Full PDB file with SEQRES, HELIX, SHEET, SSBOND, CRYST1, ORIGX, SCALE, CONECT and MASTER records, all heavy atoms in Angstrom:
SEQRES   1 A   44  ARG GLU ASN GLY ARG MET THR LEU ILE GLN ALA HIS PRO          
SEQRES   2 A   44  PHE ARG PRO GLU LEU ARG GLN ALA PRO LEU ASP GLU LEU          
SEQRES   3 A   44  ASP GLY ILE GLU VAL TYR ASN GLY HIS PRO GLU HIS ASP          
SEQRES   4 A   44  SER HIS ASN ASP LEU                                          
HELIX    1 AA1 LEU A   23  GLU A   25  5                                   3    
SHEET    1 AA1 2 ILE A   9  GLN A  10  0                                        
SHEET    2 AA1 2 GLY A  28  ILE A  29  1                                        
CRYST1    1.000    1.000    1.000  90.00  90.00  90.00 P 1           1          
ORIGX1      1.000000  0.000000  0.000000        0.00000                         
ORIGX2      0.000000  1.000000  0.000000        0.00000                         
ORIGX3      0.000000  0.000000  1.000000        0.00000                         
SCALE1      1.000000  0.000000  0.000000        0.00000                         
SCALE2      0.000000  1.000000  0.000000        0.00000                         
SCALE3      0.000000  0.000000  1.000000        0.00000                         
ATOM      1  N   ARG A   1      24.063  44.148  34.996  1.00  0.00           N  
ATOM      2  CA  ARG A   1      24.614  44.769  36.203  1.00  0.00           C  
ATOM      3  C   ARG A   1      26.123  44.592  36.297  1.00  0.00           C  
ATOM      4  O   ARG A   1      26.814  45.340  36.893  1.00  0.00           O  
ATOM      5  CB  ARG A   1      23.899  44.159  37.432  1.00  0.00           C  
ATOM      6  CG  ARG A   1      22.463  44.566  37.600  1.00  0.00           C  
ATOM      7  CD  ARG A   1      22.314  46.070  37.902  1.00  0.00           C  
ATOM      8  NE  ARG A   1      22.825  46.405  39.266  1.00  0.00           N  
ATOM      9  CZ  ARG A   1      22.784  47.712  39.674  1.00  0.00           C  
ATOM     10  NH1 ARG A   1      22.487  48.660  38.895  1.00  0.00           N  
ATOM     11  NH2 ARG A   1      23.236  47.873  40.886  1.00  0.00           N  
ATOM     12  N   GLU A   2      26.584  43.468  35.719  1.00  0.00           N  
ATOM     13  CA  GLU A   2      28.037  43.225  35.756  1.00  0.00           C  
ATOM     14  C   GLU A   2      28.809  44.213  35.017  1.00  0.00           C  
ATOM     15  O   GLU A   2      29.941  44.566  35.372  1.00  0.00           O  
ATOM     16  CB  GLU A   2      28.333  41.795  35.233  1.00  0.00           C  
ATOM     17  CG  GLU A   2      27.816  40.721  36.065  1.00  0.00           C  
ATOM     18  CD  GLU A   2      27.978  39.348  35.475  1.00  0.00           C  
ATOM     19  OE1 GLU A   2      28.572  39.265  34.364  1.00  0.00           O  
ATOM     20  OE2 GLU A   2      27.537  38.331  36.021  1.00  0.00           O  
ATOM     21  N   ASN A   3      28.275  44.774  33.958  1.00  0.00           N  
ATOM     22  CA  ASN A   3      28.957  45.770  33.109  1.00  0.00           C  
ATOM     23  C   ASN A   3      28.890  47.203  33.710  1.00  0.00           C  
ATOM     24  O   ASN A   3      29.657  48.061  33.406  1.00  0.00           O  
ATOM     25  CB  ASN A   3      28.585  45.791  31.656  1.00  0.00           C  
ATOM     26  CG  ASN A   3      27.203  46.302  31.354  1.00  0.00           C  
ATOM     27  OD1 ASN A   3      26.796  47.332  31.978  1.00  0.00           O  
ATOM     28  ND2 ASN A   3      26.463  45.764  30.394  1.00  0.00           N  
ATOM     29  N   GLY A   4      27.915  47.386  34.566  1.00  0.00           N  
ATOM     30  CA  GLY A   4      27.803  48.664  35.306  1.00  0.00           C  
ATOM     31  C   GLY A   4      27.395  49.815  34.585  1.00  0.00           C  
ATOM     32  O   GLY A   4      27.370  50.983  35.146  1.00  0.00           O  
ATOM     33  N   ARG A   5      27.053  49.728  33.280  1.00  0.00           N  
ATOM     34  CA  ARG A   5      26.737  50.943  32.509  1.00  0.00           C  
ATOM     35  C   ARG A   5      25.274  51.038  31.956  1.00  0.00           C  
ATOM     36  O   ARG A   5      24.782  52.083  31.703  1.00  0.00           O  
ATOM     37  CB  ARG A   5      27.688  51.110  31.297  1.00  0.00           C  
ATOM     38  CG  ARG A   5      27.751  50.015  30.298  1.00  0.00           C  
ATOM     39  CD  ARG A   5      28.680  50.234  29.232  1.00  0.00           C  
ATOM     40  NE  ARG A   5      28.853  49.120  28.361  1.00  0.00           N  
ATOM     41  CZ  ARG A   5      28.158  48.812  27.288  1.00  0.00           C  
ATOM     42  NH1 ARG A   5      27.130  49.616  26.987  1.00  0.00           N  
ATOM     43  NH2 ARG A   5      28.366  47.809  26.524  1.00  0.00           N  
ATOM     44  N   MET A   6      24.623  49.840  31.849  1.00  0.00           N  
ATOM     45  CA  MET A   6      23.246  49.822  31.428  1.00  0.00           C  
ATOM     46  C   MET A   6      22.268  49.986  32.495  1.00  0.00           C  
ATOM     47  O   MET A   6      22.521  49.618  33.712  1.00  0.00           O  
ATOM     48  CB  MET A   6      22.969  48.530  30.646  1.00  0.00           C  
ATOM     49  CG  MET A   6      23.825  48.358  29.376  1.00  0.00           C  
ATOM     50  SD  MET A   6      23.425  46.834  28.522  1.00  0.00           S  
ATOM     51  CE  MET A   6      24.711  46.693  27.330  1.00  0.00           C  
ATOM     52  N   THR A   7      21.111  50.510  32.203  1.00  0.00           N  
ATOM     53  CA  THR A   7      20.030  50.701  33.202  1.00  0.00           C  
ATOM     54  C   THR A   7      18.713  50.191  32.604  1.00  0.00           C  
ATOM     55  O   THR A   7      18.313  50.509  31.458  1.00  0.00           O  
ATOM     56  CB  THR A   7      19.844  52.203  33.402  1.00  0.00           C  
ATOM     57  OG1 THR A   7      21.085  52.748  33.889  1.00  0.00           O  
ATOM     58  CG2 THR A   7      18.757  52.478  34.440  1.00  0.00           C  
ATOM     59  N   LEU A   8      18.022  49.257  33.389  1.00  0.00           N  
ATOM     60  CA  LEU A   8      16.872  48.599  32.948  1.00  0.00           C  
ATOM     61  C   LEU A   8      15.677  49.108  33.718  1.00  0.00           C  
ATOM     62  O   LEU A   8      15.584  49.115  34.943  1.00  0.00           O  
ATOM     63  CB  LEU A   8      16.959  47.091  33.096  1.00  0.00           C  
ATOM     64  CG  LEU A   8      15.910  46.220  32.458  1.00  0.00           C  
ATOM     65  CD1 LEU A   8      16.033  46.288  30.910  1.00  0.00           C  
ATOM     66  CD2 LEU A   8      16.015  44.820  32.932  1.00  0.00           C  
ATOM     67  N   ILE A   9      14.611  49.595  32.902  1.00  0.00           N  
ATOM     68  CA  ILE A   9      13.457  50.240  33.456  1.00  0.00           C  
ATOM     69  C   ILE A   9      12.251  49.509  32.976  1.00  0.00           C  
ATOM     70  O   ILE A   9      12.082  49.399  31.718  1.00  0.00           O  
ATOM     71  CB  ILE A   9      13.380  51.721  33.044  1.00  0.00           C  
ATOM     72  CG1 ILE A   9      14.631  52.486  33.319  1.00  0.00           C  
ATOM     73  CG2 ILE A   9      12.182  52.386  33.641  1.00  0.00           C  
ATOM     74  CD1 ILE A   9      15.020  52.724  34.706  1.00  0.00           C  
ATOM     75  N   GLN A  10      11.359  49.050  33.837  1.00  0.00           N  
ATOM     76  CA  GLN A  10      10.119  48.430  33.229  1.00  0.00           C  
ATOM     77  C   GLN A  10       9.176  49.521  32.783  1.00  0.00           C  
ATOM     78  O   GLN A  10       8.884  50.444  33.559  1.00  0.00           O  
ATOM     79  CB  GLN A  10       9.360  47.519  34.267  1.00  0.00           C  
ATOM     80  CG  GLN A  10       8.217  46.815  33.620  1.00  0.00           C  
ATOM     81  CD  GLN A  10       7.585  45.694  34.449  1.00  0.00           C  
ATOM     82  OE1 GLN A  10       7.815  45.645  35.698  1.00  0.00           O  
ATOM     83  NE2 GLN A  10       6.806  44.836  33.852  1.00  0.00           N  
ATOM     84  N   ALA A  11       8.756  49.372  31.532  1.00  0.00           N  
ATOM     85  CA  ALA A  11       7.807  50.391  30.956  1.00  0.00           C  
ATOM     86  C   ALA A  11       6.370  49.985  31.311  1.00  0.00           C  
ATOM     87  O   ALA A  11       6.013  48.828  31.303  1.00  0.00           O  
ATOM     88  CB  ALA A  11       7.941  50.405  29.465  1.00  0.00           C  
ATOM     89  N   HIS A  12       5.571  50.966  31.550  1.00  0.00           N  
ATOM     90  CA  HIS A  12       4.075  50.875  31.790  1.00  0.00           C  
ATOM     91  C   HIS A  12       3.670  49.501  32.358  1.00  0.00           C  
ATOM     92  O   HIS A  12       2.946  48.731  31.740  1.00  0.00           O  
ATOM     93  CB  HIS A  12       3.291  51.128  30.460  1.00  0.00           C  
ATOM     94  CG  HIS A  12       3.843  50.402  29.270  1.00  0.00           C  
ATOM     95  ND1 HIS A  12       3.770  49.065  29.085  1.00  0.00           N  
ATOM     96  CD2 HIS A  12       4.544  50.867  28.161  1.00  0.00           C  
ATOM     97  CE1 HIS A  12       4.336  48.686  27.923  1.00  0.00           C  
ATOM     98  NE2 HIS A  12       4.809  49.815  27.346  1.00  0.00           N  
ATOM     99  N   PRO A  13       4.134  49.174  33.604  1.00  0.00           N  
ATOM    100  CA  PRO A  13       3.947  47.819  34.091  1.00  0.00           C  
ATOM    101  C   PRO A  13       2.571  47.482  34.480  1.00  0.00           C  
ATOM    102  O   PRO A  13       2.284  46.309  34.740  1.00  0.00           O  
ATOM    103  CB  PRO A  13       4.892  47.832  35.322  1.00  0.00           C  
ATOM    104  CG  PRO A  13       5.005  49.219  35.771  1.00  0.00           C  
ATOM    105  CD  PRO A  13       4.972  50.019  34.453  1.00  0.00           C  
ATOM    106  N   PHE A  14       1.630  48.499  34.526  1.00  0.00           N  
ATOM    107  CA  PHE A  14       0.263  48.211  34.960  1.00  0.00           C  
ATOM    108  C   PHE A  14      -0.766  48.217  33.845  1.00  0.00           C  
ATOM    109  O   PHE A  14      -1.939  48.332  34.143  1.00  0.00           O  
ATOM    110  CB  PHE A  14      -0.142  49.147  36.148  1.00  0.00           C  
ATOM    111  CG  PHE A  14       0.487  48.710  37.403  1.00  0.00           C  
ATOM    112  CD1 PHE A  14       1.750  49.234  37.799  1.00  0.00           C  
ATOM    113  CD2 PHE A  14      -0.074  47.781  38.269  1.00  0.00           C  
ATOM    114  CE1 PHE A  14       2.326  48.881  38.927  1.00  0.00           C  
ATOM    115  CE2 PHE A  14       0.485  47.403  39.478  1.00  0.00           C  
ATOM    116  CZ  PHE A  14       1.712  47.951  39.854  1.00  0.00           C  
ATOM    117  N   ARG A  15      -0.302  48.187  32.616  1.00  0.00           N  
ATOM    118  CA  ARG A  15      -1.278  47.995  31.525  1.00  0.00           C  
ATOM    119  C   ARG A  15      -1.913  46.624  31.681  1.00  0.00           C  
ATOM    120  O   ARG A  15      -1.312  45.694  32.302  1.00  0.00           O  
ATOM    121  CB  ARG A  15      -0.678  48.114  30.164  1.00  0.00           C  
ATOM    122  CG  ARG A  15      -0.278  49.553  29.843  1.00  0.00           C  
ATOM    123  CD  ARG A  15       0.164  49.669  28.420  1.00  0.00           C  
ATOM    124  NE  ARG A  15       0.649  51.075  28.097  1.00  0.00           N  
ATOM    125  CZ  ARG A  15       1.364  51.418  27.062  1.00  0.00           C  
ATOM    126  NH1 ARG A  15       1.564  50.528  26.079  1.00  0.00           N  
ATOM    127  NH2 ARG A  15       1.706  52.676  26.888  1.00  0.00           N  
ATOM    128  N   PRO A  16      -3.100  46.461  31.195  1.00  0.00           N  
ATOM    129  CA  PRO A  16      -3.844  45.140  31.356  1.00  0.00           C  
ATOM    130  C   PRO A  16      -2.992  43.975  30.928  1.00  0.00           C  
ATOM    131  O   PRO A  16      -2.373  43.966  29.926  1.00  0.00           O  
ATOM    132  CB  PRO A  16      -5.060  45.354  30.517  1.00  0.00           C  
ATOM    133  CG  PRO A  16      -5.297  46.742  30.438  1.00  0.00           C  
ATOM    134  CD  PRO A  16      -3.962  47.395  30.398  1.00  0.00           C  
ATOM    135  N   GLU A  17      -3.082  42.923  31.755  1.00  0.00           N  
ATOM    136  CA  GLU A  17      -2.491  41.604  31.492  1.00  0.00           C  
ATOM    137  C   GLU A  17      -1.010  41.607  31.483  1.00  0.00           C  
ATOM    138  O   GLU A  17      -0.347  40.576  31.131  1.00  0.00           O  
ATOM    139  CB  GLU A  17      -2.997  41.047  30.195  1.00  0.00           C  
ATOM    140  CG  GLU A  17      -4.524  40.851  30.107  1.00  0.00           C  
ATOM    141  CD  GLU A  17      -5.035  40.339  28.856  1.00  0.00           C  
ATOM    142  OE1 GLU A  17      -4.234  39.965  27.984  1.00  0.00           O  
ATOM    143  OE2 GLU A  17      -6.287  40.257  28.662  1.00  0.00           O  
ATOM    144  N   LEU A  18      -0.323  42.630  31.982  1.00  0.00           N  
ATOM    145  CA  LEU A  18       1.114  42.626  32.070  1.00  0.00           C  
ATOM    146  C   LEU A  18       1.513  42.303  33.551  1.00  0.00           C  
ATOM    147  O   LEU A  18       0.753  42.600  34.468  1.00  0.00           O  
ATOM    148  CB  LEU A  18       1.727  43.986  31.727  1.00  0.00           C  
ATOM    149  CG  LEU A  18       1.521  44.412  30.259  1.00  0.00           C  
ATOM    150  CD1 LEU A  18       2.302  45.661  30.013  1.00  0.00           C  
ATOM    151  CD2 LEU A  18       1.982  43.396  29.303  1.00  0.00           C  
ATOM    152  N   ARG A  19       2.685  41.680  33.650  1.00  0.00           N  
ATOM    153  CA  ARG A  19       3.157  41.236  35.014  1.00  0.00           C  
ATOM    154  C   ARG A  19       4.179  42.279  35.484  1.00  0.00           C  
ATOM    155  O   ARG A  19       4.985  42.838  34.684  1.00  0.00           O  
ATOM    156  CB  ARG A  19       3.834  39.895  34.962  1.00  0.00           C  
ATOM    157  CG  ARG A  19       2.934  38.722  34.531  1.00  0.00           C  
ATOM    158  CD  ARG A  19       3.723  37.489  34.219  1.00  0.00           C  
ATOM    159  NE  ARG A  19       4.513  37.678  33.078  1.00  0.00           N  
ATOM    160  CZ  ARG A  19       5.316  36.673  32.544  1.00  0.00           C  
ATOM    161  NH1 ARG A  19       5.320  35.571  33.097  1.00  0.00           N  
ATOM    162  NH2 ARG A  19       6.044  36.920  31.495  1.00  0.00           N  
ATOM    163  N   GLN A  20       4.190  42.542  36.756  1.00  0.00           N  
ATOM    164  CA  GLN A  20       5.126  43.481  37.339  1.00  0.00           C  
ATOM    165  C   GLN A  20       6.404  42.663  37.717  1.00  0.00           C  
ATOM    166  O   GLN A  20       6.374  41.695  38.459  1.00  0.00           O  
ATOM    167  CB  GLN A  20       4.601  44.152  38.598  1.00  0.00           C  
ATOM    168  CG  GLN A  20       3.444  45.101  38.338  1.00  0.00           C  
ATOM    169  CD  GLN A  20       2.091  44.383  38.054  1.00  0.00           C  
ATOM    170  OE1 GLN A  20       1.650  43.658  38.882  1.00  0.00           O  
ATOM    171  NE2 GLN A  20       1.491  44.654  36.977  1.00  0.00           N  
ATOM    172  N   ALA A  21       7.522  43.127  37.124  1.00  0.00           N  
ATOM    173  CA  ALA A  21       8.769  42.463  37.436  1.00  0.00           C  
ATOM    174  C   ALA A  21       9.173  42.612  38.884  1.00  0.00           C  
ATOM    175  O   ALA A  21       8.873  43.650  39.516  1.00  0.00           O  
ATOM    176  CB  ALA A  21       9.870  43.018  36.515  1.00  0.00           C  
ATOM    177  N   PRO A  22       9.958  41.738  39.460  1.00  0.00           N  
ATOM    178  CA  PRO A  22      10.475  41.916  40.860  1.00  0.00           C  
ATOM    179  C   PRO A  22      11.281  43.116  40.888  1.00  0.00           C  
ATOM    180  O   PRO A  22      12.071  43.396  39.984  1.00  0.00           O  
ATOM    181  CB  PRO A  22      11.265  40.651  41.062  1.00  0.00           C  
ATOM    182  CG  PRO A  22      10.674  39.584  40.065  1.00  0.00           C  
ATOM    183  CD  PRO A  22      10.262  40.324  38.907  1.00  0.00           C  
ATOM    184  N   LEU A  23      11.120  43.903  41.943  1.00  0.00           N  
ATOM    185  CA  LEU A  23      11.871  45.165  42.001  1.00  0.00           C  
ATOM    186  C   LEU A  23      13.399  44.935  42.058  1.00  0.00           C  
ATOM    187  O   LEU A  23      14.155  45.850  41.648  1.00  0.00           O  
ATOM    188  CB  LEU A  23      11.441  45.918  43.285  1.00  0.00           C  
ATOM    189  CG  LEU A  23      10.005  46.387  43.304  1.00  0.00           C  
ATOM    190  CD1 LEU A  23       9.655  47.041  44.591  1.00  0.00           C  
ATOM    191  CD2 LEU A  23       9.687  47.262  42.064  1.00  0.00           C  
ATOM    192  N   ASP A  24      13.855  43.802  42.565  1.00  0.00           N  
ATOM    193  CA  ASP A  24      15.293  43.612  42.564  1.00  0.00           C  
ATOM    194  C   ASP A  24      15.857  43.175  41.261  1.00  0.00           C  
ATOM    195  O   ASP A  24      17.042  42.815  41.162  1.00  0.00           O  
ATOM    196  CB  ASP A  24      15.641  42.636  43.712  1.00  0.00           C  
ATOM    197  CG  ASP A  24      15.018  41.224  43.550  1.00  0.00           C  
ATOM    198  OD1 ASP A  24      14.298  41.041  42.583  1.00  0.00           O  
ATOM    199  OD2 ASP A  24      15.282  40.346  44.392  1.00  0.00           O  
ATOM    200  N   GLU A  25      15.045  43.111  40.234  1.00  0.00           N  
ATOM    201  CA  GLU A  25      15.468  42.852  38.843  1.00  0.00           C  
ATOM    202  C   GLU A  25      15.339  43.999  37.957  1.00  0.00           C  
ATOM    203  O   GLU A  25      15.325  43.899  36.743  1.00  0.00           O  
ATOM    204  CB  GLU A  25      14.668  41.572  38.333  1.00  0.00           C  
ATOM    205  CG  GLU A  25      14.912  40.291  39.100  1.00  0.00           C  
ATOM    206  CD  GLU A  25      14.138  39.112  38.531  1.00  0.00           C  
ATOM    207  OE1 GLU A  25      13.376  39.301  37.582  1.00  0.00           O  
ATOM    208  OE2 GLU A  25      14.278  37.996  39.096  1.00  0.00           O  
ATOM    209  N   LEU A  26      15.228  45.172  38.574  1.00  0.00           N  
ATOM    210  CA  LEU A  26      15.004  46.452  37.844  1.00  0.00           C  
ATOM    211  C   LEU A  26      15.885  47.521  38.449  1.00  0.00           C  
ATOM    212  O   LEU A  26      16.200  47.490  39.628  1.00  0.00           O  
ATOM    213  CB  LEU A  26      13.604  46.880  37.899  1.00  0.00           C  
ATOM    214  CG  LEU A  26      12.527  45.974  37.290  1.00  0.00           C  
ATOM    215  CD1 LEU A  26      11.132  46.552  37.691  1.00  0.00           C  
ATOM    216  CD2 LEU A  26      12.607  45.980  35.741  1.00  0.00           C  
ATOM    217  N   ASP A  27      16.230  48.507  37.581  1.00  0.00           N  
ATOM    218  CA  ASP A  27      16.870  49.750  38.132  1.00  0.00           C  
ATOM    219  C   ASP A  27      15.700  50.768  38.439  1.00  0.00           C  
ATOM    220  O   ASP A  27      15.983  51.696  39.118  1.00  0.00           O  
ATOM    221  CB  ASP A  27      17.857  50.289  37.154  1.00  0.00           C  
ATOM    222  CG  ASP A  27      19.043  49.419  37.052  1.00  0.00           C  
ATOM    223  OD1 ASP A  27      19.759  49.230  38.072  1.00  0.00           O  
ATOM    224  OD2 ASP A  27      19.413  48.948  35.930  1.00  0.00           O  
ATOM    225  N   GLY A  28      14.577  50.612  37.784  1.00  0.00           N  
ATOM    226  CA  GLY A  28      13.533  51.593  37.918  1.00  0.00           C  
ATOM    227  C   GLY A  28      12.284  51.235  37.191  1.00  0.00           C  
ATOM    228  O   GLY A  28      12.158  50.174  36.523  1.00  0.00           O  
ATOM    229  N   ILE A  29      11.284  52.087  37.270  1.00  0.00           N  
ATOM    230  CA  ILE A  29      10.000  51.889  36.607  1.00  0.00           C  
ATOM    231  C   ILE A  29       9.684  53.211  35.928  1.00  0.00           C  
ATOM    232  O   ILE A  29       9.874  54.330  36.408  1.00  0.00           O  
ATOM    233  CB  ILE A  29       8.915  51.574  37.665  1.00  0.00           C  
ATOM    234  CG1 ILE A  29       9.070  50.122  38.074  1.00  0.00           C  
ATOM    235  CG2 ILE A  29       7.519  51.761  37.084  1.00  0.00           C  
ATOM    236  CD1 ILE A  29       8.116  49.777  39.251  1.00  0.00           C  
ATOM    237  N   GLU A  30       9.038  53.122  34.728  1.00  0.00           N  
ATOM    238  CA  GLU A  30       8.381  54.225  34.025  1.00  0.00           C  
ATOM    239  C   GLU A  30       7.129  54.568  34.756  1.00  0.00           C  
ATOM    240  O   GLU A  30       6.081  53.925  34.597  1.00  0.00           O  
ATOM    241  CB  GLU A  30       8.156  53.885  32.584  1.00  0.00           C  
ATOM    242  CG  GLU A  30       7.573  55.046  31.788  1.00  0.00           C  
ATOM    243  CD  GLU A  30       7.267  54.608  30.339  1.00  0.00           C  
ATOM    244  OE1 GLU A  30       6.495  53.668  30.169  1.00  0.00           O  
ATOM    245  OE2 GLU A  30       7.745  55.301  29.423  1.00  0.00           O  
ATOM    246  N   VAL A  31       7.200  55.595  35.617  1.00  0.00           N  
ATOM    247  CA  VAL A  31       6.045  55.896  36.482  1.00  0.00           C  
ATOM    248  C   VAL A  31       5.031  56.806  35.781  1.00  0.00           C  
ATOM    249  O   VAL A  31       3.918  56.935  36.234  1.00  0.00           O  
ATOM    250  CB  VAL A  31       6.462  56.569  37.809  1.00  0.00           C  
ATOM    251  CG1 VAL A  31       7.352  55.644  38.635  1.00  0.00           C  
ATOM    252  CG2 VAL A  31       7.151  57.876  37.571  1.00  0.00           C  
ATOM    253  N   TYR A  32       5.473  57.406  34.679  1.00  0.00           N  
ATOM    254  CA  TYR A  32       4.557  58.186  33.883  1.00  0.00           C  
ATOM    255  C   TYR A  32       4.672  57.822  32.433  1.00  0.00           C  
ATOM    256  O   TYR A  32       5.784  58.060  31.870  1.00  0.00           O  
ATOM    257  CB  TYR A  32       4.702  59.715  34.057  1.00  0.00           C  
ATOM    258  CG  TYR A  32       3.701  60.443  33.207  1.00  0.00           C  
ATOM    259  CD1 TYR A  32       2.427  60.614  33.679  1.00  0.00           C  
ATOM    260  CD2 TYR A  32       4.031  60.867  31.975  1.00  0.00           C  
ATOM    261  CE1 TYR A  32       1.475  61.268  32.905  1.00  0.00           C  
ATOM    262  CE2 TYR A  32       3.088  61.555  31.086  1.00  0.00           C  
ATOM    263  CZ  TYR A  32       1.782  61.719  31.582  1.00  0.00           C  
ATOM    264  OH  TYR A  32       0.826  62.254  30.810  1.00  0.00           O  
ATOM    265  N   ASN A  33       3.703  57.222  31.759  1.00  0.00           N  
ATOM    266  CA  ASN A  33       3.661  56.903  30.332  1.00  0.00           C  
ATOM    267  C   ASN A  33       2.593  57.739  29.691  1.00  0.00           C  
ATOM    268  O   ASN A  33       1.452  57.643  30.127  1.00  0.00           O  
ATOM    269  CB  ASN A  33       3.456  55.391  30.170  1.00  0.00           C  
ATOM    270  CG  ASN A  33       3.370  55.068  28.708  1.00  0.00           C  
ATOM    271  OD1 ASN A  33       2.432  55.316  27.990  1.00  0.00           O  
ATOM    272  ND2 ASN A  33       4.474  54.361  28.225  1.00  0.00           N  
ATOM    273  N   GLY A  34       2.963  58.597  28.751  1.00  0.00           N  
ATOM    274  CA  GLY A  34       1.995  59.564  28.234  1.00  0.00           C  
ATOM    275  C   GLY A  34       1.137  59.069  27.115  1.00  0.00           C  
ATOM    276  O   GLY A  34       0.425  59.880  26.529  1.00  0.00           O  
ATOM    277  N   HIS A  35       1.243  57.786  26.639  1.00  0.00           N  
ATOM    278  CA  HIS A  35       0.470  57.284  25.521  1.00  0.00           C  
ATOM    279  C   HIS A  35      -1.002  57.506  25.754  1.00  0.00           C  
ATOM    280  O   HIS A  35      -1.615  56.916  26.737  1.00  0.00           O  
ATOM    281  CB  HIS A  35       0.811  55.853  25.339  1.00  0.00           C  
ATOM    282  CG  HIS A  35       0.423  55.248  24.002  1.00  0.00           C  
ATOM    283  ND1 HIS A  35      -0.892  55.432  23.470  1.00  0.00           N  
ATOM    284  CD2 HIS A  35       1.147  54.574  23.075  1.00  0.00           C  
ATOM    285  CE1 HIS A  35      -0.894  54.813  22.265  1.00  0.00           C  
ATOM    286  NE2 HIS A  35       0.314  54.368  21.968  1.00  0.00           N  
ATOM    287  N   PRO A  36      -1.645  58.317  24.911  1.00  0.00           N  
ATOM    288  CA  PRO A  36      -3.051  58.662  25.276  1.00  0.00           C  
ATOM    289  C   PRO A  36      -4.038  57.558  24.964  1.00  0.00           C  
ATOM    290  O   PRO A  36      -5.151  57.671  25.313  1.00  0.00           O  
ATOM    291  CB  PRO A  36      -3.264  59.895  24.390  1.00  0.00           C  
ATOM    292  CG  PRO A  36      -2.367  59.747  23.201  1.00  0.00           C  
ATOM    293  CD  PRO A  36      -1.149  59.060  23.772  1.00  0.00           C  
ATOM    294  N   GLU A  37      -3.668  56.551  24.228  1.00  0.00           N  
ATOM    295  CA  GLU A  37      -4.553  55.449  23.841  1.00  0.00           C  
ATOM    296  C   GLU A  37      -4.522  54.234  24.702  1.00  0.00           C  
ATOM    297  O   GLU A  37      -5.184  53.187  24.534  1.00  0.00           O  
ATOM    298  CB  GLU A  37      -4.365  54.985  22.359  1.00  0.00           C  
ATOM    299  CG  GLU A  37      -5.038  55.996  21.373  1.00  0.00           C  
ATOM    300  CD  GLU A  37      -4.003  56.753  20.638  1.00  0.00           C  
ATOM    301  OE1 GLU A  37      -3.033  56.255  20.099  1.00  0.00           O  
ATOM    302  OE2 GLU A  37      -4.183  58.058  20.559  1.00  0.00           O  
ATOM    303  N   HIS A  38      -3.655  54.380  25.698  1.00  0.00           N  
ATOM    304  CA  HIS A  38      -3.476  53.282  26.721  1.00  0.00           C  
ATOM    305  C   HIS A  38      -3.757  53.794  28.146  1.00  0.00           C  
ATOM    306  O   HIS A  38      -3.230  54.903  28.405  1.00  0.00           O  
ATOM    307  CB  HIS A  38      -2.109  52.631  26.688  1.00  0.00           C  
ATOM    308  CG  HIS A  38      -1.853  51.800  25.466  1.00  0.00           C  
ATOM    309  ND1 HIS A  38      -2.340  50.549  25.304  1.00  0.00           N  
ATOM    310  CD2 HIS A  38      -1.100  52.031  24.298  1.00  0.00           C  
ATOM    311  CE1 HIS A  38      -2.015  50.020  24.109  1.00  0.00           C  
ATOM    312  NE2 HIS A  38      -1.219  50.967  23.493  1.00  0.00           N  
ATOM    313  N   ASP A  39      -4.374  53.040  28.943  1.00  0.00           N  
ATOM    314  CA  ASP A  39      -4.475  53.370  30.376  1.00  0.00           C  
ATOM    315  C   ASP A  39      -3.339  52.669  31.095  1.00  0.00           C  
ATOM    316  O   ASP A  39      -3.433  51.459  31.337  1.00  0.00           O  
ATOM    317  CB  ASP A  39      -5.820  52.960  30.938  1.00  0.00           C  
ATOM    318  CG  ASP A  39      -5.991  53.437  32.425  1.00  0.00           C  
ATOM    319  OD1 ASP A  39      -4.994  53.976  32.900  1.00  0.00           O  
ATOM    320  OD2 ASP A  39      -7.083  53.301  32.955  1.00  0.00           O  
ATOM    321  N   SER A  40      -2.250  53.379  31.279  1.00  0.00           N  
ATOM    322  CA  SER A  40      -1.095  52.749  31.916  1.00  0.00           C  
ATOM    323  C   SER A  40      -1.096  52.784  33.381  1.00  0.00           C  
ATOM    324  O   SER A  40      -0.130  52.244  34.012  1.00  0.00           O  
ATOM    325  CB  SER A  40       0.169  53.491  31.353  1.00  0.00           C  
ATOM    326  OG  SER A  40       0.343  53.386  29.973  1.00  0.00           O  
ATOM    327  N   HIS A  41      -2.222  53.278  33.987  1.00  0.00           N  
ATOM    328  CA  HIS A  41      -2.295  53.285  35.472  1.00  0.00           C  
ATOM    329  C   HIS A  41      -1.081  53.844  36.123  1.00  0.00           C  
ATOM    330  O   HIS A  41      -0.439  53.217  36.868  1.00  0.00           O  
ATOM    331  CB  HIS A  41      -2.664  51.892  35.974  1.00  0.00           C  
ATOM    332  CG  HIS A  41      -3.974  51.364  35.457  1.00  0.00           C  
ATOM    333  ND1 HIS A  41      -5.203  51.759  35.941  1.00  0.00           N  
ATOM    334  CD2 HIS A  41      -4.215  50.443  34.534  1.00  0.00           C  
ATOM    335  CE1 HIS A  41      -6.183  51.130  35.332  1.00  0.00           C  
ATOM    336  NE2 HIS A  41      -5.659  50.377  34.468  1.00  0.00           N  
ATOM    337  N   ASN A  42      -0.726  55.061  35.711  1.00  0.00           N  
ATOM    338  CA  ASN A  42       0.569  55.668  36.166  1.00  0.00           C  
ATOM    339  C   ASN A  42       0.600  55.813  37.696  1.00  0.00           C  
ATOM    340  O   ASN A  42       1.651  55.727  38.291  1.00  0.00           O  
ATOM    341  CB  ASN A  42       0.724  57.019  35.495  1.00  0.00           C  
ATOM    342  CG  ASN A  42       1.001  56.886  34.010  1.00  0.00           C  
ATOM    343  OD1 ASN A  42       1.775  55.999  33.592  1.00  0.00           O  
ATOM    344  ND2 ASN A  42       0.406  57.730  33.196  1.00  0.00           N  
ATOM    345  N   ASP A  43      -0.605  56.002  38.344  1.00  0.00           N  
ATOM    346  CA  ASP A  43      -0.647  56.094  39.764  1.00  0.00           C  
ATOM    347  C   ASP A  43      -0.174  54.744  40.407  1.00  0.00           C  
ATOM    348  O   ASP A  43       0.575  54.828  41.466  1.00  0.00           O  
ATOM    349  CB  ASP A  43      -2.021  56.463  40.248  1.00  0.00           C  
ATOM    350  CG  ASP A  43      -3.135  55.483  39.760  1.00  0.00           C  
ATOM    351  OD1 ASP A  43      -2.899  54.801  38.722  1.00  0.00           O  
ATOM    352  OD2 ASP A  43      -4.185  55.461  40.375  1.00  0.00           O  
ATOM    353  N   LEU A  44      -0.563  53.625  39.843  1.00  0.00           N  
ATOM    354  CA  LEU A  44      -0.112  52.329  40.399  1.00  0.00           C  
ATOM    355  C   LEU A  44       1.444  52.163  40.080  1.00  0.00           C  
ATOM    356  O   LEU A  44       2.116  51.621  40.994  1.00  0.00           O  
ATOM    357  CB  LEU A  44      -0.899  51.187  39.775  1.00  0.00           C  
ATOM    358  CG  LEU A  44      -2.366  51.207  40.044  1.00  0.00           C  
ATOM    359  CD1 LEU A  44      -3.034  50.053  39.343  1.00  0.00           C  
ATOM    360  CD2 LEU A  44      -2.672  51.184  41.482  1.00  0.00           C  
TER     361      LEU A  44                                                      
MASTER        0    0    0    1    2    0    0    6  360    1    0    4          
END                                                                             
């Protein structure tokens, strides 16, 4: 954040056994992950 040019997005945060990062430690979330062999729970 200090350099002001990079953007950090949590990928597929609702796949099984993954933790959701605090929202204030992210610029965004991958809300749609198209990988057909994973249930990424895009709605969540």
